[in-house]
Amino acid sequence: VTIAPTTSPSSSPVVPIATPPPSLPTPTSNPTGNTAESPTQGPTLKPSPEPTPEPTPELTPEPTLTSVTPAPTPCESRKWHINSDGSMCSNGYDYPINGNIDMNQDNYDSLEECCSAIFGTNDCMWEDICNSIEPTTSPTRSPVTTVPTTSPSSSPVVP
């Protein structure tokens, strides 16, 4: 860069003198004894606050590329089990949290199997998450009349 014009210009350009390369660091006079197997490429821009006491023995696995959680079970394949409060059979997601159920063994293919195994009867309270109706008891049996009435009503009587 020329700050002021020269009073006696040369007839050919002048090549500037090259800057000498940086000098190498001088070895320390008191080495630690902890020598590296090979020199590092250069200092890190973000050093850790303290050295790692022991490096991990092997590489950590790469993250999975596929979804870990499988798709929800379709209704046709859902199993029946006792619900979380133990009051009914369900094919929902409400498993007991007290650990008294083996999710691999305490599952049943049908509502009837669940009611029979858990409550000892084919009639029990249930929840079917595949159908939108509210949980109900199994239908009650119609009352059995032992003697026909002698004077039937013209329409059914609702109790």
Protein backbone atom coordinates (compact mmCIF):
# COMPACT_ATOMS: atom_id res chain seq x y z
CA VAL A 1 0.00 0.00 0.00
CA THR A 2 1.40 3.33 -1.01
CA ILE A 3 0.70 6.11 1.44
CA ALA A 4 2.37 8.89 -0.56
CA PRO A 5 3.72 8.83 -4.07
CA THR A 6 7.43 8.21 -4.37
CA THR A 7 9.63 10.95 -5.79
CA SER A 8 11.85 8.51 -7.70
CA PRO A 9 9.80 5.52 -9.06
CA SER A 10 11.58 2.34 -10.21
CA SER A 11 11.20 1.02 -13.72
CA SER A 12 10.04 -2.47 -12.54
CA PRO A 13 7.78 -3.64 -9.69
CA VAL A 14 9.44 -4.47 -6.38
CA VAL A 15 8.67 -7.89 -4.87
CA PRO A 16 8.08 -7.59 -1.13
CA ILE A 17 10.18 -9.65 1.25
CA ALA A 18 8.29 -12.70 2.51
CA THR A 19 7.27 -12.87 6.13
CA PRO A 20 9.23 -15.61 7.91
CA PRO A 21 7.23 -18.64 9.11
CA PRO A 22 6.27 -18.71 12.79
CA SER A 23 8.76 -20.32 15.10
CA LEU A 24 8.02 -23.70 16.67
CA PRO A 25 7.37 -23.84 20.40
CA THR A 26 10.33 -24.51 22.59
CA PRO A 27 10.18 -27.80 24.52
CA THR A 28 9.45 -27.43 28.20
CA SER A 29 12.28 -27.82 30.65
CA ASN A 30 10.11 -29.84 33.02
CA PRO A 31 8.06 -32.50 31.07
CA THR A 32 5.19 -34.28 32.86
CA GLY A 33 5.98 -37.80 31.73
CA ASN A 34 2.50 -38.18 30.22
CA THR A 35 3.37 -38.37 26.56
CA ALA A 36 0.82 -38.69 23.79
CA GLU A 37 1.06 -41.48 21.24
CA SER A 38 0.98 -38.93 18.46
CA PRO A 39 0.89 -35.15 18.38
CA THR A 40 -2.45 -33.37 18.23
CA GLN A 41 -3.45 -31.48 15.12
CA GLY A 42 -3.81 -28.26 17.05
CA PRO A 43 -5.41 -26.81 20.12
CA THR A 44 -9.17 -27.15 20.56
CA LEU A 45 -11.31 -24.05 20.46
CA LYS A 46 -13.53 -25.34 23.31
CA PRO A 47 -11.44 -27.20 25.89
CA SER A 48 -13.23 -29.22 28.54
CA PRO A 49 -13.06 -27.86 32.08
CA GLU A 50 -11.34 -31.02 33.36
CA PRO A 51 -9.88 -34.07 31.66
CA THR A 52 -11.96 -37.24 31.36
CA PRO A 53 -10.83 -39.65 34.09
CA GLU A 54 -11.31 -42.73 31.91
CA PRO A 55 -12.42 -42.75 28.28
CA THR A 56 -15.27 -45.04 27.25
CA PRO A 57 -13.90 -48.44 26.22
CA GLU A 58 -15.93 -48.65 23.02
CA LEU A 59 -17.94 -46.43 20.74
CA THR A 60 -21.51 -45.71 21.73
CA PRO A 61 -24.10 -47.13 19.33
CA GLU A 62 -25.62 -44.90 16.72
CA PRO A 63 -29.27 -43.86 17.23
CA THR A 64 -31.85 -46.08 15.60
CA LEU A 65 -33.28 -44.89 12.32
CA THR A 66 -36.60 -46.69 12.77
CA SER A 67 -39.29 -45.85 15.26
CA VAL A 68 -38.83 -47.61 18.59
CA THR A 69 -42.52 -47.59 19.43
CA PRO A 70 -44.59 -49.95 17.26
CA ALA A 71 -47.87 -48.85 15.77
CA PRO A 72 -50.94 -49.21 18.01
CA THR A 73 -52.45 -52.67 18.11
CA PRO A 74 -55.52 -52.85 15.86
CA CYS A 75 -58.76 -53.60 17.67
CA GLU A 76 -59.08 -57.10 16.20
CA SER A 77 -55.75 -58.03 17.83
CA ARG A 78 -56.24 -56.42 21.26
CA LYS A 79 -56.09 -58.71 24.29
CA TRP A 80 -58.37 -58.52 27.33
CA HIS A 81 -56.98 -58.04 30.86
CA ILE A 82 -57.98 -56.72 34.28
CA ASN A 83 -58.05 -52.91 34.34
CA SER A 84 -55.91 -50.66 36.52
CA ASP A 85 -58.24 -50.62 39.55
CA GLY A 86 -59.14 -54.32 39.30
CA SER A 87 -62.85 -53.66 38.82
CA MET A 88 -63.40 -54.89 35.26
CA CYS A 89 -61.94 -56.52 32.17
CA SER A 90 -60.60 -54.17 29.52
CA ASN A 91 -58.88 -54.24 26.17
CA GLY A 92 -57.50 -50.74 26.79
CA TYR A 93 -54.17 -49.36 27.95
CA ASP A 94 -55.02 -49.26 31.67
CA TYR A 95 -52.93 -52.07 33.10
CA PRO A 96 -52.59 -52.34 36.90
CA ILE A 97 -49.57 -50.42 38.16
CA ASN A 98 -49.05 -52.49 41.30
CA GLY A 99 -47.10 -55.16 39.43
CA ASN A 100 -49.57 -57.98 40.12
CA ILE A 101 -50.15 -58.66 36.43
CA ASP A 102 -47.86 -60.39 33.99
CA MET A 103 -48.58 -58.57 30.73
CA ASN A 104 -47.35 -61.61 28.79
CA GLN A 105 -49.57 -64.15 30.58
CA ASP A 106 -52.57 -62.32 32.06
CA ASN A 107 -54.08 -61.47 28.68
CA TYR A 108 -57.11 -63.18 27.18
CA ASP A 109 -58.39 -63.51 23.63
CA SER A 110 -61.99 -62.67 24.55
CA LEU A 111 -64.02 -60.79 27.11
CA GLU A 112 -65.61 -64.04 28.27
CA GLU A 113 -62.18 -65.63 28.92
CA CYS A 114 -61.10 -62.58 30.93
CA CYS A 115 -64.31 -62.49 33.03
CA SER A 116 -64.09 -66.21 33.70
CA ALA A 117 -60.38 -66.18 34.64
CA ILE A 118 -60.46 -62.98 36.74
CA PHE A 119 -63.95 -62.96 38.26
CA GLY A 120 -65.00 -66.61 37.95
CA THR A 121 -68.05 -65.83 35.81
CA ASN A 122 -68.79 -65.01 32.18
CA ASP A 123 -70.70 -61.90 33.30
CA CYS A 124 -68.54 -59.02 34.52
CA MET A 125 -68.04 -55.28 34.12
CA TRP A 126 -66.03 -54.46 30.98
CA GLU A 127 -64.53 -51.67 28.91
CA ASP A 128 -64.06 -52.07 25.16
CA ILE A 129 -61.92 -49.23 23.77
CA CYS A 130 -62.75 -50.34 20.25
CA ASN A 131 -66.43 -49.49 20.76
CA SER A 132 -67.61 -46.09 21.92
CA ILE A 133 -70.25 -47.27 24.39
CA GLU A 134 -69.70 -46.70 28.11
CA PRO A 135 -68.58 -49.60 30.33
CA THR A 136 -71.58 -51.60 31.53
CA THR A 137 -72.36 -54.81 33.30
CA SER A 138 -73.25 -57.74 31.12
CA PRO A 139 -76.97 -57.81 30.32
CA THR A 140 -79.05 -59.25 33.14
CA ARG A 141 -81.15 -62.31 32.55
CA SER A 142 -84.84 -61.65 32.00
CA PRO A 143 -86.99 -62.52 34.98
CA VAL A 144 -88.43 -65.99 34.69
CA THR A 145 -92.16 -66.23 35.28
CA THR A 146 -93.15 -69.58 36.68
CA VAL A 147 -96.90 -69.12 36.24
CA PRO A 148 -98.43 -67.26 33.31
CA THR A 149 -100.58 -64.27 34.24
CA THR A 150 -104.34 -64.61 33.95
CA SER A 151 -104.83 -60.94 33.05
CA PRO A 152 -102.09 -59.69 30.68
CA SER A 153 -101.63 -55.96 30.16
CA SER A 154 -102.05 -54.37 26.75
CA SER A 155 -98.47 -53.04 26.76
CA PRO A 156 -95.26 -54.03 28.55
CA VAL A 157 -94.84 -52.82 32.09
CA VAL A 158 -91.51 -51.13 32.82
CA PRO A 159 -90.41 -51.68 36.43
